[in-house]
Amino acid sequence: MDPAEVAQIGFKAMQDGEADVVAGLKNKLQVAMAKILPSQVTAEQHRKLAAPGTAQDG
């Protein structure tokens, strides 16, 4: 997602008094999966995403 779009979604949520917001389908799916998967699986997925050299040019 475009960073400006994410910021706009977050700002609107803040103005609406929402405690949290998840922008984008991929992120929403990750949140949903984290709620049902064992924590070890979620931690391994996070490790892979956060590893040095895994950043994607936007």
C-alpha atoms as a PDB file:
ATOM      1  CA  MET A   1       0.000   0.000   0.000  1.00  0.00           C
ATOM      2  CA  ASP A   2       1.004   3.559  -0.569  1.00  0.00           C
ATOM      3  CA  PRO A   3       2.309   5.124   2.687  1.00  0.00           C
ATOM      4  CA  ALA A   4       0.111   8.195   2.180  1.00  0.00           C
ATOM      5  CA  GLU A   5      -2.964   5.967   1.907  1.00  0.00           C
ATOM      6  CA  VAL A   6      -2.013   4.097   5.090  1.00  0.00           C
ATOM      7  CA  ALA A   7      -1.511   7.414   6.893  1.00  0.00           C
ATOM      8  CA  GLN A   8      -4.887   8.666   5.682  1.00  0.00           C
ATOM      9  CA  ILE A   9      -6.625   5.503   6.908  1.00  0.00           C
ATOM     10  CA  GLY A  10      -4.885   5.761  10.279  1.00  0.00           C
ATOM     11  CA  PHE A  11      -5.664   9.452  10.671  1.00  0.00           C
ATOM     12  CA  LYS A  12      -9.340   8.898   9.885  1.00  0.00           C
ATOM     13  CA  ALA A  13      -9.478   6.041  12.400  1.00  0.00           C
ATOM     14  CA  MET A  14      -7.922   8.290  15.033  1.00  0.00           C
ATOM     15  CA  GLN A  15     -10.467  11.026  14.337  1.00  0.00           C
ATOM     16  CA  ASP A  16     -13.257   8.451  14.628  1.00  0.00           C
ATOM     17  CA  GLY A  17     -11.919   7.360  18.026  1.00  0.00           C
ATOM     18  CA  GLU A  18     -10.892   3.871  16.952  1.00  0.00           C
ATOM     19  CA  ALA A  19      -8.301   2.246  19.206  1.00  0.00           C
ATOM     20  CA  ASP A  20      -6.632   0.392  16.362  1.00  0.00           C
ATOM     21  CA  VAL A  21      -6.918  -0.077  12.623  1.00  0.00           C
ATOM     22  CA  VAL A  22      -5.398  -2.488  10.115  1.00  0.00           C
ATOM     23  CA  ALA A  23      -4.917  -1.135   6.606  1.00  0.00           C
ATOM     24  CA  GLY A  24      -4.864  -3.441   3.591  1.00  0.00           C
ATOM     25  CA  LEU A  25      -6.138  -6.905   2.821  1.00  0.00           C
ATOM     26  CA  LYS A  26      -2.770  -8.626   3.273  1.00  0.00           C
ATOM     27  CA  ASN A  27      -2.334  -7.081   6.711  1.00  0.00           C
ATOM     28  CA  LYS A  28      -5.890  -7.988   7.708  1.00  0.00           C
ATOM     29  CA  LEU A  29      -5.278 -11.590   6.680  1.00  0.00           C
ATOM     30  CA  GLN A  30      -2.051 -11.685   8.700  1.00  0.00           C
ATOM     31  CA  VAL A  31      -3.865 -10.391  11.786  1.00  0.00           C
ATOM     32  CA  ALA A  32      -6.640 -12.958  11.351  1.00  0.00           C
ATOM     33  CA  MET A  33      -4.168 -15.808  10.895  1.00  0.00           C
ATOM     34  CA  ALA A  34      -2.162 -14.714  13.946  1.00  0.00           C
ATOM     35  CA  LYS A  35      -5.293 -15.152  16.049  1.00  0.00           C
ATOM     36  CA  ILE A  36      -5.772 -18.799  15.057  1.00  0.00           C
ATOM     37  CA  LEU A  37      -2.245 -20.090  14.434  1.00  0.00           C
ATOM     38  CA  PRO A  38       0.051 -21.307  17.212  1.00  0.00           C
ATOM     39  CA  SER A  39       2.391 -18.570  18.442  1.00  0.00           C
ATOM     40  CA  GLN A  40       5.445 -20.510  17.213  1.00  0.00           C
ATOM     41  CA  VAL A  41       4.143 -20.402  13.635  1.00  0.00           C
ATOM     42  CA  THR A  42       3.363 -16.696  13.892  1.00  0.00           C
ATOM     43  CA  ALA A  43       6.825 -16.004  15.348  1.00  0.00           C
ATOM     44  CA  GLU A  44       8.504 -17.896  12.493  1.00  0.00           C
ATOM     45  CA  GLN A  45       6.545 -15.928   9.897  1.00  0.00           C
ATOM     46  CA  HIS A  46       7.531 -12.678  11.597  1.00  0.00           C
ATOM     47  CA  ARG A  47      11.172 -13.776  11.730  1.00  0.00           C
ATOM     48  CA  LYS A  48      11.171 -14.354   7.975  1.00  0.00           C
ATOM     49  CA  LEU A  49       9.503 -11.017   7.239  1.00  0.00           C
ATOM     50  CA  ALA A  50      11.790  -9.053   9.560  1.00  0.00           C
ATOM     51  CA  ALA A  51      15.092 -10.671   8.565  1.00  0.00           C
ATOM     52  CA  PRO A  52      17.783  -8.321   7.244  1.00  0.00           C
ATOM     53  CA  GLY A  53      17.722  -8.076   3.464  1.00  0.00           C
ATOM     54  CA  THR A  54      14.035  -8.917   3.079  1.00  0.00           C
ATOM     55  CA  ALA A  55      12.805  -5.356   2.504  1.00  0.00           C
ATOM     56  CA  GLN A  56      10.927  -4.756  -0.724  1.00  0.00           C
ATOM     57  CA  ASP A  57      11.271  -1.586  -2.751  1.00  0.00           C
ATOM     58  CA  GLY A  58       7.900   0.031  -2.928  1.00  0.00           C
END
